[in-house]
Amino acid sequence: MIAHGTSKELIRAIEEEKNKLAPLKGRDKNLDNFIERKIKILNECLNIIKKTKKESIQIVALSKCFIIEL
């Protein structure tokens, strides 16, 4: 996931992404492992965003969460 915006916008986008992933769990063990890693990374991003003071930020959530303050 790559996104930018205000903290509130990014929190909403991450929650929406997690809600889209949740129904896919339980279909395939390999897919479940991917979904669990993705949700873990998104939760890491949420925690960082909530602590960020800047209003405009960008997130890059691939294998790890990176926050870029704009």
N, C-alpha and C. Protein backbone atom coordinates (compact mmCIF):
# COMPACT_ATOMS: atom_id res chain seq x y z
N MET A 1 0.85 -1.17 0.00
CA MET A 1 0.00 0.00 0.00
C MET A 1 0.89 1.23 0.00
N ILE A 2 0.58 2.13 -0.89
CA ILE A 2 1.25 3.43 -0.94
C ILE A 2 0.15 4.48 -0.96
N ALA A 3 0.20 5.41 -0.03
CA ALA A 3 -0.84 6.44 0.04
C ALA A 3 -0.27 7.70 0.69
N HIS A 4 -0.94 8.81 0.43
CA HIS A 4 -0.56 10.05 1.11
C HIS A 4 -1.82 10.84 1.43
N GLY A 5 -1.71 11.70 2.42
CA GLY A 5 -2.83 12.53 2.84
C GLY A 5 -2.66 12.93 4.29
N THR A 6 -3.76 13.34 4.88
CA THR A 6 -3.72 13.71 6.30
C THR A 6 -3.74 12.43 7.14
N SER A 7 -3.43 12.59 8.40
CA SER A 7 -3.45 11.43 9.30
C SER A 7 -4.82 10.76 9.31
N LYS A 8 -5.87 11.56 9.39
CA LYS A 8 -7.23 11.01 9.41
C LYS A 8 -7.55 10.25 8.13
N GLU A 9 -7.15 10.79 6.99
CA GLU A 9 -7.40 10.12 5.71
C GLU A 9 -6.67 8.79 5.62
N LEU A 10 -5.43 8.78 6.09
CA LEU A 10 -4.63 7.56 6.02
C LEU A 10 -5.14 6.50 7.00
N ILE A 11 -5.57 6.92 8.16
CA ILE A 11 -6.15 5.97 9.12
C ILE A 11 -7.39 5.33 8.52
N ARG A 12 -8.23 6.13 7.89
CA ARG A 12 -9.44 5.62 7.25
C ARG A 12 -9.09 4.65 6.12
N ALA A 13 -8.09 5.00 5.30
CA ALA A 13 -7.67 4.16 4.17
C ALA A 13 -7.11 2.82 4.66
N ILE A 14 -6.34 2.85 5.73
CA ILE A 14 -5.78 1.61 6.28
C ILE A 14 -6.88 0.73 6.84
N GLU A 15 -7.82 1.32 7.56
CA GLU A 15 -8.94 0.54 8.10
C GLU A 15 -9.75 -0.09 6.97
N GLU A 16 -9.98 0.65 5.89
CA GLU A 16 -10.70 0.11 4.74
C GLU A 16 -9.94 -1.06 4.12
N GLU A 17 -8.63 -0.92 4.00
CA GLU A 17 -7.80 -1.99 3.44
C GLU A 17 -7.87 -3.24 4.32
N LYS A 18 -7.80 -3.06 5.62
CA LYS A 18 -7.91 -4.20 6.54
C LYS A 18 -9.28 -4.86 6.42
N ASN A 19 -10.33 -4.07 6.26
CA ASN A 19 -11.68 -4.61 6.11
C ASN A 19 -11.84 -5.39 4.81
N LYS A 20 -11.12 -4.99 3.77
CA LYS A 20 -11.16 -5.73 2.50
C LYS A 20 -10.42 -7.05 2.60
N LEU A 21 -9.35 -7.09 3.39
CA LEU A 21 -8.55 -8.30 3.53
C LEU A 21 -9.22 -9.35 4.42
N ALA A 22 -9.93 -8.91 5.43
CA ALA A 22 -10.51 -9.83 6.42
C ALA A 22 -11.38 -10.93 5.80
N PRO A 23 -12.27 -10.64 4.86
CA PRO A 23 -13.11 -11.71 4.30
C PRO A 23 -12.34 -12.75 3.48
N LEU A 24 -11.12 -12.44 3.09
CA LEU A 24 -10.32 -13.37 2.29
C LEU A 24 -9.63 -14.44 3.13
N LYS A 25 -9.60 -14.23 4.45
CA LYS A 25 -8.95 -15.20 5.34
C LYS A 25 -9.74 -16.51 5.36
N GLY A 26 -8.99 -17.62 5.48
CA GLY A 26 -9.63 -18.92 5.58
C GLY A 26 -9.80 -19.65 4.27
N ARG A 27 -9.41 -19.04 3.17
CA ARG A 27 -9.56 -19.69 1.86
C ARG A 27 -8.36 -20.55 1.49
N ASP A 28 -7.17 -20.09 1.87
CA ASP A 28 -5.94 -20.78 1.49
C ASP A 28 -4.88 -20.45 2.53
N LYS A 29 -4.12 -21.47 2.96
CA LYS A 29 -3.12 -21.25 4.01
C LYS A 29 -2.06 -20.23 3.59
N ASN A 30 -1.59 -20.33 2.35
CA ASN A 30 -0.58 -19.37 1.88
C ASN A 30 -1.16 -17.96 1.82
N LEU A 31 -2.39 -17.85 1.37
CA LEU A 31 -3.05 -16.55 1.32
C LEU A 31 -3.25 -16.01 2.74
N ASP A 32 -3.60 -16.89 3.67
CA ASP A 32 -3.76 -16.47 5.06
C ASP A 32 -2.47 -15.89 5.63
N ASN A 33 -1.35 -16.55 5.33
CA ASN A 33 -0.06 -16.03 5.80
C ASN A 33 0.22 -14.65 5.24
N PHE A 34 -0.07 -14.45 3.95
CA PHE A 34 0.13 -13.14 3.32
C PHE A 34 -0.77 -12.09 3.98
N ILE A 35 -2.04 -12.44 4.17
CA ILE A 35 -2.99 -11.49 4.76
C ILE A 35 -2.57 -11.12 6.17
N GLU A 36 -2.15 -12.10 6.96
CA GLU A 36 -1.71 -11.81 8.33
C GLU A 36 -0.49 -10.89 8.35
N ARG A 37 0.47 -11.12 7.45
CA ARG A 37 1.64 -10.23 7.36
C ARG A 37 1.21 -8.82 6.95
N LYS A 38 0.32 -8.74 5.98
CA LYS A 38 -0.15 -7.44 5.49
C LYS A 38 -0.87 -6.67 6.61
N ILE A 39 -1.73 -7.35 7.33
CA ILE A 39 -2.46 -6.70 8.43
C ILE A 39 -1.49 -6.26 9.53
N LYS A 40 -0.49 -7.06 9.81
CA LYS A 40 0.53 -6.69 10.81
C LYS A 40 1.25 -5.41 10.38
N ILE A 41 1.62 -5.32 9.11
CA ILE A 41 2.30 -4.13 8.59
C ILE A 41 1.36 -2.92 8.66
N LEU A 42 0.10 -3.11 8.29
CA LEU A 42 -0.86 -2.01 8.34
C LEU A 42 -1.08 -1.53 9.78
N ASN A 43 -1.13 -2.45 10.72
CA ASN A 43 -1.26 -2.06 12.14
C ASN A 43 -0.03 -1.28 12.60
N GLU A 44 1.13 -1.69 12.12
CA GLU A 44 2.36 -0.95 12.43
C GLU A 44 2.25 0.48 11.91
N CYS A 45 1.74 0.63 10.70
CA CYS A 45 1.55 1.96 10.12
C CYS A 45 0.56 2.78 10.95
N LEU A 46 -0.54 2.16 11.36
CA LEU A 46 -1.52 2.87 12.18
C LEU A 46 -0.89 3.42 13.45
N ASN A 47 -0.10 2.61 14.11
CA ASN A 47 0.55 3.05 15.35
C ASN A 47 1.49 4.22 15.11
N ILE A 48 2.22 4.17 14.01
CA ILE A 48 3.15 5.27 13.69
C ILE A 48 2.38 6.53 13.33
N ILE A 49 1.34 6.40 12.53
CA ILE A 49 0.54 7.56 12.10
C ILE A 49 -0.07 8.26 13.30
N LYS A 50 -0.57 7.50 14.25
CA LYS A 50 -1.21 8.08 15.44
C LYS A 50 -0.23 8.90 16.27
N LYS A 51 1.07 8.61 16.17
CA LYS A 51 2.09 9.34 16.91
C LYS A 51 2.68 10.50 16.12
N THR A 52 2.37 10.57 14.82
CA THR A 52 2.96 11.58 13.95
C THR A 52 2.34 12.94 14.20
N LYS A 53 3.17 13.95 14.26
CA LYS A 53 2.71 15.31 14.51
C LYS A 53 2.36 16.05 13.21
N LYS A 54 3.01 15.68 12.12
CA LYS A 54 2.78 16.36 10.83
C LYS A 54 1.37 16.04 10.33
N GLU A 55 0.78 16.99 9.64
CA GLU A 55 -0.56 16.79 9.11
C GLU A 55 -0.55 16.08 7.77
N SER A 56 0.44 16.35 6.94
CA SER A 56 0.51 15.74 5.61
C SER A 56 1.64 14.71 5.59
N ILE A 57 1.26 13.46 5.37
CA ILE A 57 2.26 12.39 5.38
C ILE A 57 1.99 11.40 4.25
N GLN A 58 2.99 10.60 3.96
CA GLN A 58 2.88 9.54 2.97
C GLN A 58 3.31 8.24 3.64
N ILE A 59 2.60 7.15 3.32
CA ILE A 59 3.02 5.86 3.85
C ILE A 59 3.38 4.94 2.70
N VAL A 60 4.36 4.11 2.95
CA VAL A 60 4.74 3.05 2.02
C VAL A 60 4.77 1.78 2.86
N ALA A 61 3.80 0.91 2.64
CA ALA A 61 3.69 -0.33 3.42
C ALA A 61 3.89 -1.51 2.49
N LEU A 62 5.11 -2.00 2.45
CA LEU A 62 5.42 -3.17 1.62
C LEU A 62 5.78 -4.32 2.56
N SER A 63 7.05 -4.52 2.83
CA SER A 63 7.45 -5.53 3.80
C SER A 63 7.63 -4.91 5.18
N LYS A 64 7.57 -3.60 5.23
CA LYS A 64 7.71 -2.82 6.45
C LYS A 64 6.98 -1.51 6.21
N CYS A 65 6.62 -0.80 7.26
CA CYS A 65 5.93 0.47 7.11
C CYS A 65 6.93 1.63 7.17
N PHE A 66 6.90 2.44 6.14
CA PHE A 66 7.73 3.64 6.10
C PHE A 66 6.81 4.85 6.06
N ILE A 67 7.09 5.84 6.90
CA ILE A 67 6.32 7.07 6.96
C ILE A 67 7.21 8.21 6.49
N ILE A 68 6.70 8.98 5.54
CA ILE A 68 7.43 10.14 5.03
C ILE A 68 6.60 11.37 5.36
N GLU A 69 7.15 12.24 6.17
CA GLU A 69 6.43 13.47 6.52
C GLU A 69 6.64 14.49 5.42
N LEU A 70 5.54 15.00 4.89
CA LEU A 70 5.61 15.97 3.79
C LEU A 70 5.46 17.39 4.28
